[in-house]
Amino acid sequence: MATITSRKEDYSKWYNELVIKADMAENSGVRGCMVIKPYGFAIWEKMQRQLDQMFKDTGHENAYFPLFIPKSYLSKEADHVEGFAKECAVVTHYRLKNSENGNGVIVDPEAKLEEELIVRPTSETIIWNTYKNWVKSYRDLPILINQWANVVRWEMRTRLFLRTSEFLWQEGHTAHAHEKEAIEEAERMLEVYADFVENFMGVPVIKGVKSPSERFAGAIETYCIEAMMQDGKALQAGTSHFLGQNFAKAFDVKYQSKEGKQEFVWATSWGVSTRLIGALIMSHSDDNGLVLPPNIAPIQVVIIPIHRTDEQLDAISKIAKDLKIELNKSGISVKFDNRTEYKPGWKFNEYELKGVPVRVTIGPKDLENNQVEIARRDTLEKSLVNIEGLSVYITELLQEIQNSIFKKAKERMNSLITPVDTYEDFKKVLDEKGGFVSAHWDGSIEVEEKIKAETKATIRCIPFDAVDENGVCIYSGNPSKKRVLFARAY
């Protein structure tokens, strides 16, 4: 049976072991890149399906743009290139050839590209170069496009799902006739993310805006949702950016207004990635393995038979298959694990490790008593339930588990928000308690950088619901109008 290092003993080791032992992902032969295994990918597919529907429900369409970006495109928006320059992978040649000494292949020096190509770290530049051809009149707007893709940001220190050189994500890119529309779009998509992360992933978030130094490269405003992990570190769960006219001006994307004037369009971009799987793991899981909210679990219910004879298995199988059909009608995913090469105890451990929300066990005595044993993964509680009305009971239990998982995470997050008024208390809370530290900041980038250098804590967000209150900055003593949330983060 798989045993995992406890969270208390070594949180980082617990996380890495859990990802591998739950068969979600593994390191690949390419340094810094991961292989997402079928179980991990099934979780991503479920996230993808739900988000994709939410995007379409808000009027967006999917498209696909090239993986490669000409280097000159990245030079057109100064803040953008500066933000990503150190993370870019560059293609310089287009051909290999056999080496003369017969030892494999070498890069053909004759096949140098006239202009280097960047493997996309994000797609604003290639997309805005394309939009230039799509937009002529106000009638062509808005453009509401989403892309599901992979991106590359060269990372030296990687961790499965949380930070890898290549990762999967979606990126929305929209163009609007008016500033107000673009701001509304960026805010709307942040609400979509918050809805998804809270109601499907069961992870509570704080909505707000980033400080100027934490904004997306090239954005006027970055809206964010911040989540809190069990170890007291924050994780950025999604961002939405109001890009103003920066990219429209860089790529000369104009439209003719109703009045006949040539105007630059207004832009947004927004994205979430496979790091959401890391957030899911670190928000809910325990020392026994994954704890998955039913709304995002690939297998929501597993049925395990306990039997000695084939006749017993046949009788149990009939009940199990009827239950599976009944639950499937309600859109619930069910696995009936009737493999005989594994003992029931091994299966219990396996599905506990994989975080399956509900386990149904049926043995010969259960059949005699017209009942089954139900075990819920989140609390590990077991109960005997009558076979009559079982599908209704399980359906309601799944909703209860979903609500319970969110409630537990919400209470934990709230307990990890600590207001402080002095820099000494600020450092003490970071070191001894962790979590979000709510403190006054004078708005200067210099102070923000000094706090980051001294404590490794950054401003995670300026919450939308932060109330105006007169105070003094914990670091400079200068006047401050509201508190912001600092934390150490992934």
Protein backbone atom coordinates (compact mmCIF):
# COMPACT_ATOMS: atom_id res chain seq x y z
CA MET A 1 0.00 0.00 0.00
CA ALA A 2 1.20 3.49 -0.89
CA THR A 3 2.25 5.55 2.09
CA ILE A 4 2.85 9.27 1.77
CA THR A 5 5.03 11.61 3.79
CA SER A 6 2.70 13.60 6.06
CA ARG A 7 1.95 17.27 5.36
CA LYS A 8 3.23 18.22 8.80
CA GLU A 9 6.54 16.43 8.28
CA ASP A 10 7.33 17.89 4.83
CA TYR A 11 4.58 19.63 2.86
CA SER A 12 6.60 19.90 -0.34
CA LYS A 13 7.58 16.22 -0.26
CA TRP A 14 3.96 15.26 0.55
CA TYR A 15 2.79 17.14 -2.54
CA ASN A 16 5.36 15.62 -4.90
CA GLU A 17 4.76 12.08 -3.63
CA LEU A 18 1.01 12.49 -3.86
CA VAL A 19 1.09 13.64 -7.50
CA ILE A 20 3.21 10.62 -8.45
CA LYS A 21 1.54 7.96 -6.28
CA ALA A 22 -1.97 9.06 -7.29
CA ASP A 23 -0.78 8.48 -10.87
CA MET A 24 -1.47 12.06 -12.01
CA ALA A 25 1.84 13.08 -13.55
CA GLU A 26 5.57 12.38 -13.65
CA ASN A 27 8.75 14.11 -14.67
CA SER A 28 9.70 13.58 -18.29
CA GLY A 29 12.92 13.01 -20.21
CA VAL A 30 12.87 16.73 -21.01
CA ARG A 31 14.13 18.67 -18.03
CA GLY A 32 11.49 20.94 -16.55
CA CYS A 33 8.63 19.35 -18.48
CA MET A 34 6.06 16.84 -17.22
CA VAL A 35 4.05 13.93 -18.53
CA ILE A 36 0.40 14.32 -17.50
CA LYS A 37 -0.87 10.77 -16.99
CA PRO A 38 -4.44 9.69 -17.82
CA TYR A 39 -5.86 10.28 -14.32
CA GLY A 40 -4.33 13.76 -14.07
CA PHE A 41 -5.42 14.53 -17.62
CA ALA A 42 -8.97 13.35 -16.86
CA ILE A 43 -9.16 16.04 -14.16
CA TRP A 44 -7.86 18.64 -16.64
CA GLU A 45 -10.41 17.49 -19.24
CA LYS A 46 -13.23 17.91 -16.72
CA MET A 47 -11.98 21.41 -15.89
CA GLN A 48 -11.63 22.16 -19.59
CA ARG A 49 -15.15 21.00 -20.47
CA GLN A 50 -16.72 23.09 -17.74
CA LEU A 51 -14.71 26.24 -18.44
CA ASP A 52 -15.20 25.88 -22.19
CA GLN A 53 -18.98 25.84 -21.69
CA MET A 54 -18.77 28.88 -19.41
CA PHE A 55 -16.76 30.74 -22.07
CA LYS A 56 -19.27 29.84 -24.77
CA ASP A 57 -22.15 30.87 -22.50
CA THR A 58 -20.57 34.34 -22.31
CA GLY A 59 -20.30 34.62 -26.10
CA HIS A 60 -16.76 33.43 -26.78
CA GLU A 61 -15.54 31.18 -29.61
CA ASN A 62 -12.49 28.93 -29.81
CA ALA A 63 -9.71 29.40 -32.37
CA TYR A 64 -6.08 28.36 -32.69
CA PHE A 65 -2.97 30.44 -33.42
CA PRO A 66 0.64 29.43 -34.21
CA LEU A 67 3.02 28.05 -31.60
CA PHE A 68 5.82 30.20 -33.03
CA ILE A 69 6.08 33.98 -32.79
CA PRO A 70 8.55 35.98 -34.93
CA LYS A 71 11.01 37.75 -32.67
CA SER A 72 10.14 41.14 -34.17
CA TYR A 73 6.54 40.81 -32.91
CA LEU A 74 7.75 40.65 -29.33
CA SER A 75 9.76 43.82 -29.86
CA LYS A 76 6.66 45.88 -30.61
CA GLU A 77 5.27 46.24 -27.07
CA ALA A 78 8.11 47.26 -24.77
CA ASP A 79 6.63 46.25 -21.38
CA HIS A 80 5.47 42.93 -22.79
CA VAL A 81 8.86 41.88 -24.16
CA GLU A 82 10.62 42.97 -20.98
CA GLY A 83 8.19 40.89 -18.90
CA PHE A 84 8.81 37.69 -20.83
CA ALA A 85 12.33 38.10 -22.27
CA LYS A 86 14.08 35.93 -19.64
CA GLU A 87 11.62 33.04 -20.06
CA CYS A 88 11.61 32.65 -23.85
CA ALA A 89 12.70 29.57 -25.78
CA VAL A 90 14.15 30.56 -29.17
CA VAL A 91 14.20 28.59 -32.44
CA THR A 92 17.24 29.54 -34.52
CA HIS A 93 17.48 26.74 -37.13
CA TYR A 94 15.06 24.68 -39.18
CA ARG A 95 17.05 21.54 -40.04
CA LEU A 96 19.29 18.81 -38.62
CA LYS A 97 21.80 16.64 -40.47
CA ASN A 98 23.85 13.52 -39.74
CA SER A 99 27.16 14.35 -38.11
CA GLU A 100 30.24 13.56 -40.16
CA ASN A 101 31.68 11.26 -37.49
CA GLY A 102 28.47 9.19 -37.52
CA ASN A 103 27.53 10.05 -33.92
CA GLY A 104 23.89 11.03 -34.35
CA VAL A 105 22.65 14.36 -35.67
CA ILE A 106 23.80 17.97 -35.48
CA VAL A 107 22.19 21.31 -36.25
CA ASP A 108 22.79 22.19 -39.89
CA PRO A 109 24.64 25.53 -39.81
CA GLU A 110 23.35 26.25 -43.33
CA ALA A 111 19.74 26.15 -42.04
CA LYS A 112 19.76 29.28 -39.91
CA LEU A 113 16.44 31.13 -39.82
CA GLU A 114 16.49 34.68 -41.21
CA GLU A 115 14.44 35.71 -38.17
CA GLU A 116 14.41 33.71 -34.96
CA LEU A 117 11.08 32.31 -33.76
CA ILE A 118 9.95 32.41 -30.14
CA VAL A 119 8.02 29.45 -28.74
CA ARG A 120 4.93 31.23 -27.38
CA PRO A 121 5.13 32.21 -23.70
CA THR A 122 1.68 33.81 -24.29
CA SER A 123 -0.02 34.76 -27.55
CA GLU A 124 -0.89 38.48 -27.40
CA THR A 125 1.59 39.46 -30.12
CA ILE A 126 0.75 36.80 -32.73
CA ILE A 127 -2.97 37.28 -32.10
CA TRP A 128 -2.90 41.08 -32.34
CA ASN A 129 -0.90 40.84 -35.53
CA THR A 130 -3.76 38.64 -36.82
CA TYR A 131 -6.55 40.91 -35.53
CA LYS A 132 -5.08 43.70 -37.69
CA ASN A 133 -6.47 41.80 -40.70
CA TRP A 134 -9.82 41.03 -39.06
CA VAL A 135 -10.81 44.51 -37.91
CA LYS A 136 -11.81 47.23 -40.36
CA SER A 137 -15.11 48.61 -39.04
CA TYR A 138 -17.07 48.90 -35.78
CA ARG A 139 -19.23 46.13 -37.27
CA ASP A 140 -16.30 43.68 -36.85
CA LEU A 141 -16.26 44.22 -33.08
CA PRO A 142 -16.23 42.82 -30.49
CA ILE A 143 -13.92 39.88 -31.22
CA LEU A 144 -14.32 37.32 -28.43
CA ILE A 145 -11.78 34.54 -28.94
CA ASN A 146 -10.42 31.81 -26.67
CA GLN A 147 -7.56 29.42 -27.40
CA TRP A 148 -6.75 26.11 -25.67
CA ALA A 149 -3.02 25.61 -26.06
CA ASN A 150 0.38 24.84 -24.59
CA VAL A 151 2.89 27.56 -23.74
CA VAL A 152 6.56 27.57 -22.80
CA ARG A 153 8.15 29.73 -20.10
CA TRP A 154 11.66 28.52 -19.37
CA GLU A 155 11.80 27.61 -15.70
CA MET A 156 14.91 26.63 -13.75
CA ARG A 157 13.13 25.37 -10.62
CA THR A 158 10.11 23.28 -11.47
CA ARG A 159 7.37 21.39 -9.63
CA LEU A 160 4.73 19.16 -11.21
CA PHE A 161 1.61 21.13 -12.21
CA LEU A 162 2.65 24.22 -10.22
CA ARG A 163 5.60 25.34 -12.30
CA THR A 164 6.87 23.59 -15.42
CA SER A 165 8.63 24.91 -18.52
CA GLU A 166 5.73 23.78 -20.71
CA PHE A 167 2.17 23.84 -19.44
CA LEU A 168 -1.37 23.67 -20.78
CA TRP A 169 -3.80 26.54 -20.47
CA GLN A 170 -6.49 28.60 -22.13
CA GLU A 171 -6.01 32.19 -23.12
CA GLY A 172 -8.82 34.53 -24.05
CA HIS A 173 -8.08 37.52 -26.29
CA THR A 174 -10.80 40.07 -27.00
CA ALA A 175 -11.07 43.31 -28.96
CA HIS A 176 -13.66 46.03 -28.29
CA ALA A 177 -14.78 49.34 -29.73
CA HIS A 178 -14.91 51.11 -26.36
CA GLU A 179 -12.86 51.22 -23.18
CA LYS A 180 -15.90 50.56 -20.97
CA GLU A 181 -16.74 47.34 -22.87
CA ALA A 182 -13.18 46.03 -22.50
CA ILE A 183 -13.10 46.72 -18.76
CA GLU A 184 -16.49 45.01 -18.37
CA GLU A 185 -15.16 41.99 -20.29
CA ALA A 186 -12.07 41.69 -18.09
CA GLU A 187 -14.21 41.91 -14.95
CA ARG A 188 -16.80 39.44 -16.34
CA MET A 189 -14.14 36.82 -17.05
CA LEU A 190 -12.69 37.16 -13.57
CA GLU A 191 -16.18 36.41 -12.23
CA VAL A 192 -16.34 33.33 -14.49
CA TYR A 193 -13.04 32.12 -13.03
CA ALA A 194 -14.16 32.78 -9.46
CA ASP A 195 -17.44 30.93 -10.09
CA PHE A 196 -15.56 27.94 -11.55
CA VAL A 197 -12.85 27.73 -8.89
CA GLU A 198 -15.27 28.07 -5.98
CA ASN A 199 -18.28 26.09 -7.22
CA PHE A 200 -16.55 23.33 -9.18
CA MET A 201 -13.12 23.05 -7.58
CA GLY A 202 -14.39 23.88 -4.08
CA VAL A 203 -11.53 26.35 -3.59
CA PRO A 204 -12.44 29.73 -2.02
CA VAL A 205 -10.78 32.78 -3.57
CA ILE A 206 -10.27 36.47 -2.90
CA LYS A 207 -11.00 38.73 -5.88
CA GLY A 208 -9.04 41.90 -6.44
CA VAL A 209 -6.50 43.76 -8.56
CA LYS A 210 -2.75 43.34 -8.71
CA SER A 211 -0.37 46.07 -7.61
CA PRO A 212 1.41 47.83 -10.53
CA SER A 213 4.60 45.76 -10.17
CA GLU A 214 2.64 42.47 -10.14
CA ARG A 215 0.56 43.30 -13.23
CA PHE A 216 0.79 41.28 -16.44
CA ALA A 217 3.46 42.66 -18.77
CA GLY A 218 1.74 45.22 -21.00
CA ALA A 219 -1.52 45.48 -19.01
CA ILE A 220 -3.18 48.64 -17.67
CA GLU A 221 -4.94 46.61 -14.95
CA THR A 222 -4.69 42.97 -13.86
CA TYR A 223 -7.65 41.45 -12.02
CA CYS A 224 -6.93 38.28 -10.06
CA ILE A 225 -8.33 35.54 -7.88
CA GLU A 226 -6.01 34.41 -5.09
CA ALA A 227 -6.36 31.11 -3.24
CA MET A 228 -4.78 29.97 0.04
CA MET A 229 -3.16 26.55 0.34
CA GLN A 230 -3.09 24.39 3.48
CA ASP A 231 0.52 25.31 4.24
CA GLY A 232 -0.29 29.02 4.46
CA LYS A 233 1.09 29.94 1.03
CA ALA A 234 -1.01 31.76 -1.58
CA LEU A 235 -1.54 30.61 -5.14
CA GLN A 236 -2.70 32.78 -8.02
CA ALA A 237 -5.66 30.84 -9.43
CA GLY A 238 -6.54 33.02 -12.41
CA THR A 239 -5.98 36.44 -13.96
CA SER A 240 -7.82 38.71 -16.34
CA HIS A 241 -6.15 41.74 -17.90
CA PHE A 242 -7.40 45.05 -19.25
CA LEU A 243 -4.77 45.84 -21.87
CA GLY A 244 -6.04 49.28 -22.87
CA GLN A 245 -4.91 50.17 -26.40
CA ASN A 246 -1.29 49.11 -25.88
CA PHE A 247 -1.40 46.12 -28.24
CA ALA A 248 -3.75 47.81 -30.71
CA LYS A 249 -1.24 50.66 -31.06
CA ALA A 250 1.74 48.31 -31.23
CA PHE A 251 0.12 46.31 -34.06
CA ASP A 252 -1.88 49.14 -35.64
CA VAL A 253 -5.31 47.59 -35.07
CA LYS A 254 -7.87 50.29 -35.92
CA TYR A 255 -11.53 50.38 -36.81
CA GLN A 256 -13.76 52.92 -38.52
CA SER A 257 -16.29 54.20 -35.99
CA LYS A 258 -19.97 54.93 -36.74
CA GLU A 259 -18.92 58.56 -37.11
CA GLY A 260 -16.36 57.59 -39.76
CA LYS A 261 -13.27 58.15 -37.59
CA GLN A 262 -10.29 55.77 -37.35
CA GLU A 263 -9.98 54.56 -33.75
CA PHE A 264 -7.69 52.08 -31.99
CA VAL A 265 -9.53 49.14 -30.44
CA TRP A 266 -9.48 48.22 -26.73
CA ALA A 267 -8.17 44.85 -25.56
CA THR A 268 -8.33 42.18 -22.86
CA SER A 269 -6.66 38.86 -22.23
CA TRP A 270 -7.33 36.24 -19.55
CA GLY A 271 -6.14 32.76 -18.68
CA VAL A 272 -5.95 29.82 -16.31
CA SER A 273 -3.62 26.85 -16.57
CA THR A 274 -2.88 23.32 -15.35
CA ARG A 275 -1.53 24.90 -12.15
CA LEU A 276 -5.20 24.82 -11.08
CA ILE A 277 -4.65 21.08 -10.58
CA GLY A 278 -1.89 21.96 -8.11
CA ALA A 279 -4.32 24.29 -6.32
CA LEU A 280 -6.92 21.51 -6.20
CA ILE A 281 -4.45 19.07 -4.64
CA MET A 282 -3.04 21.49 -2.07
CA SER A 283 -6.42 22.91 -1.03
CA HIS A 284 -8.21 19.70 -0.08
CA SER A 285 -5.98 16.63 0.06
CA ASP A 286 -4.82 14.85 3.23
CA ASP A 287 -2.17 12.39 4.38
CA ASN A 288 -4.13 9.48 2.85
CA GLY A 289 -4.07 10.98 -0.65
CA LEU A 290 -6.19 13.16 -2.89
CA VAL A 291 -9.51 14.60 -1.78
CA LEU A 292 -11.46 15.61 -4.89
CA PRO A 293 -14.67 17.65 -4.93
CA PRO A 294 -17.35 15.61 -6.76
CA ASN A 295 -17.85 18.31 -9.41
CA ILE A 296 -14.29 17.86 -10.66
CA ALA A 297 -13.59 14.16 -9.85
CA PRO A 298 -13.17 11.94 -12.95
CA ILE A 299 -14.72 9.04 -10.99
CA GLN A 300 -17.39 10.28 -8.56
CA VAL A 301 -18.50 6.88 -7.24
CA VAL A 302 -16.62 3.57 -7.13
CA ILE A 303 -18.40 0.29 -6.39
CA ILE A 304 -16.28 -2.50 -4.91
CA PRO A 305 -17.63 -6.04 -4.57
CA ILE A 306 -16.54 -8.36 -1.75
CA HIS A 307 -17.06 -12.01 -2.62
CA ARG A 308 -15.64 -15.51 -2.31
CA THR A 309 -17.51 -17.29 -5.13
CA ASP A 310 -18.51 -16.48 -8.70
CA GLU A 311 -22.17 -16.83 -7.71
CA GLN A 312 -21.74 -14.14 -5.06
CA LEU A 313 -20.01 -11.86 -7.60
CA ASP A 314 -22.86 -12.39 -10.09
CA ALA A 315 -25.48 -11.42 -7.49
CA ILE A 316 -23.47 -8.33 -6.42
CA SER A 317 -22.84 -7.38 -10.06
CA LYS A 318 -26.56 -7.18 -10.79
CA ILE A 319 -27.09 -4.66 -7.94
CA ALA A 320 -23.93 -2.74 -8.91
CA LYS A 321 -24.82 -2.49 -12.59
CA ASP A 322 -28.37 -1.34 -11.84
CA LEU A 323 -26.99 1.34 -9.50
CA LYS A 324 -24.44 2.42 -12.13
CA ILE A 325 -27.18 2.83 -14.77
CA GLU A 326 -29.34 4.79 -12.34
CA LEU A 327 -26.50 7.16 -11.34
CA ASN A 328 -25.31 7.57 -14.93
CA LYS A 329 -28.77 8.89 -15.81
CA SER A 330 -28.12 11.76 -13.37
CA GLY A 331 -24.78 12.49 -15.01
CA ILE A 332 -22.75 10.86 -12.21
CA SER A 333 -19.60 8.98 -13.26
CA VAL A 334 -19.38 5.51 -11.71
CA LYS A 335 -16.74 2.80 -11.82
CA PHE A 336 -17.62 -0.79 -10.92
CA ASP A 337 -14.27 -2.37 -10.06
CA ASN A 338 -14.93 -6.09 -10.40
CA ARG A 339 -11.32 -7.06 -11.10
CA THR A 340 -10.53 -10.32 -9.33
CA GLU A 341 -6.74 -9.99 -9.43
CA TYR A 342 -6.79 -7.29 -6.71
CA LYS A 343 -8.06 -7.74 -3.16
CA PRO A 344 -10.74 -5.34 -1.80
CA GLY A 345 -8.26 -3.81 0.69
CA TRP A 346 -5.89 -2.91 -2.15
CA LYS A 347 -8.77 -1.29 -4.04
CA PHE A 348 -9.88 0.68 -0.97
CA ASN A 349 -6.39 2.12 -0.67
CA GLU A 350 -6.17 2.84 -4.39
CA TYR A 351 -9.40 4.86 -4.59
CA GLU A 352 -8.70 6.63 -1.31
CA LEU A 353 -5.34 7.69 -2.73
CA LYS A 354 -7.04 8.89 -5.93
CA GLY A 355 -9.63 10.90 -4.01
CA VAL A 356 -12.81 9.24 -5.35
CA PRO A 357 -15.57 11.04 -3.36
CA VAL A 358 -17.87 8.07 -2.64
CA ARG A 359 -17.05 4.38 -2.23
CA VAL A 360 -19.84 1.79 -2.25
CA THR A 361 -18.95 -1.66 -0.88
CA ILE A 362 -21.27 -4.63 -1.45
CA GLY A 363 -20.73 -8.08 0.10
CA PRO A 364 -22.93 -11.23 0.47
CA LYS A 365 -24.13 -10.16 3.94
CA ASP A 366 -25.08 -6.75 2.57
CA LEU A 367 -27.25 -8.45 -0.05
CA GLU A 368 -28.97 -10.53 2.65
CA ASN A 369 -29.69 -7.33 4.62
CA ASN A 370 -30.66 -5.36 1.49
CA GLN A 371 -28.00 -2.71 2.21
CA VAL A 372 -24.57 -1.44 1.17
CA GLU A 373 -21.68 0.28 2.95
CA ILE A 374 -21.01 3.88 1.88
CA ALA A 375 -17.68 5.58 2.64
CA ARG A 376 -17.13 9.27 1.91
CA ARG A 377 -13.58 10.29 1.05
CA ASP A 378 -13.59 13.77 2.58
CA THR A 379 -14.37 12.72 6.18
CA LEU A 380 -13.63 8.96 5.88
CA GLU A 381 -17.03 8.32 7.55
CA LYS A 382 -18.81 5.06 6.78
CA SER A 383 -22.51 4.23 6.98
CA LEU A 384 -24.89 1.40 6.06
CA VAL A 385 -27.57 2.47 3.60
CA ASN A 386 -30.64 0.62 2.31
CA ILE A 387 -30.51 -0.40 -1.34
CA GLU A 388 -33.97 1.12 -1.90
CA GLY A 389 -33.50 4.77 -2.85
CA LEU A 390 -29.72 4.36 -2.97
CA SER A 391 -29.19 6.46 -6.11
CA VAL A 392 -31.08 9.41 -4.58
CA TYR A 393 -29.04 9.06 -1.36
CA ILE A 394 -25.73 9.07 -3.29
CA THR A 395 -26.76 12.03 -5.47
CA GLU A 396 -27.57 14.09 -2.37
CA LEU A 397 -24.40 12.88 -0.61
CA LEU A 398 -22.23 14.06 -3.51
CA GLN A 399 -23.72 17.55 -3.21
CA GLU A 400 -23.20 17.49 0.55
CA ILE A 401 -19.53 16.49 0.04
CA GLN A 402 -19.06 19.30 -2.51
CA ASN A 403 -20.50 21.86 -0.07
CA SER A 404 -18.58 20.44 2.90
CA ILE A 405 -15.21 20.53 1.09
CA PHE A 406 -15.74 24.18 0.11
CA LYS A 407 -16.92 25.16 3.61
CA LYS A 408 -13.86 23.58 5.22
CA ALA A 409 -11.48 25.35 2.82
CA LYS A 410 -13.33 28.67 3.28
CA GLU A 411 -13.10 28.47 7.08
CA ARG A 412 -9.40 27.67 6.82
CA MET A 413 -8.76 30.59 4.45
CA ASN A 414 -10.63 33.01 6.71
CA SER A 415 -8.59 31.81 9.70
CA LEU A 416 -5.43 32.57 7.70
CA ILE A 417 -6.22 36.27 7.07
CA THR A 418 -4.44 38.32 9.74
CA PRO A 419 -4.56 42.13 10.01
CA VAL A 420 -1.31 43.71 11.30
CA ASP A 421 -0.29 47.31 11.93
CA THR A 422 3.49 47.05 12.41
CA TYR A 423 6.31 45.62 10.32
CA GLU A 424 7.46 43.51 13.29
CA ASP A 425 4.03 41.87 13.57
CA PHE A 426 3.99 41.46 9.78
CA LYS A 427 7.23 39.43 9.80
CA LYS A 428 6.15 37.45 12.86
CA VAL A 429 2.83 36.39 11.28
CA LEU A 430 4.57 35.40 8.04
CA ASP A 431 7.10 33.23 9.88
CA GLU A 432 4.89 31.71 12.56
CA LYS A 433 1.41 31.51 11.05
CA GLY A 434 1.59 32.17 7.31
CA GLY A 435 -1.47 32.95 5.23
CA PHE A 436 -2.64 36.35 4.02
CA VAL A 437 -1.39 39.34 5.99
CA SER A 438 -3.69 42.36 5.71
CA ALA A 439 -1.60 45.50 6.06
CA HIS A 440 -1.42 49.15 5.04
CA TRP A 441 0.92 49.98 2.12
CA ASP A 442 1.72 53.44 0.83
CA GLY A 443 1.38 52.47 -2.85
CA SER A 444 5.08 52.82 -3.74
CA ILE A 445 6.87 50.19 -5.80
CA GLU A 446 10.08 50.83 -3.81
CA VAL A 447 8.42 49.79 -0.53
CA GLU A 448 6.84 46.76 -2.20
CA GLU A 449 10.24 45.66 -3.54
CA LYS A 450 11.95 46.14 -0.17
CA ILE A 451 9.30 44.09 1.66
CA LYS A 452 9.65 41.35 -0.98
CA ALA A 453 13.45 41.31 -0.71
CA GLU A 454 13.37 41.17 3.11
CA THR A 455 10.49 38.73 3.65
CA LYS A 456 9.80 36.95 0.30
CA ALA A 457 6.19 38.15 0.63
CA THR A 458 4.45 39.90 -2.26
CA ILE A 459 1.22 41.84 -2.58
CA ARG A 460 -1.15 39.11 -3.74
CA CYS A 461 -4.03 41.47 -4.38
CA ILE A 462 -5.80 44.66 -3.46
CA PRO A 463 -9.21 43.13 -2.65
CA PHE A 464 -12.30 44.53 -4.37
CA ASP A 465 -14.03 44.62 -1.00
CA ALA A 466 -11.19 46.40 0.83
CA VAL A 467 -12.73 49.24 2.81
CA ASP A 468 -11.26 52.74 2.79
CA GLU A 469 -9.59 53.43 6.12
CA ASN A 470 -6.91 55.91 7.07
CA GLY A 471 -3.72 54.26 8.25
CA VAL A 472 0.05 54.27 7.89
CA CYS A 473 2.23 51.99 5.76
CA ILE A 474 3.80 49.23 7.87
CA TYR A 475 7.19 49.82 6.21
CA SER A 476 7.52 53.54 5.42
CA GLY A 477 5.09 55.09 7.90
CA ASN A 478 3.60 57.13 5.03
CA PRO A 479 -0.20 57.63 4.87
CA SER A 480 -2.29 54.79 3.42
CA LYS A 481 -5.97 54.66 2.46
CA LYS A 482 -6.60 50.89 2.51
CA ARG A 483 -5.14 47.52 3.41
CA VAL A 484 -3.75 45.09 0.85
CA LEU A 485 -3.09 41.36 1.16
CA PHE A 486 0.50 40.17 1.34
CA ALA A 487 1.59 36.52 1.39
CA ARG A 488 4.37 34.18 0.43
CA ALA A 489 3.23 32.37 -2.67
CA TYR A 490 3.77 29.53 -5.11
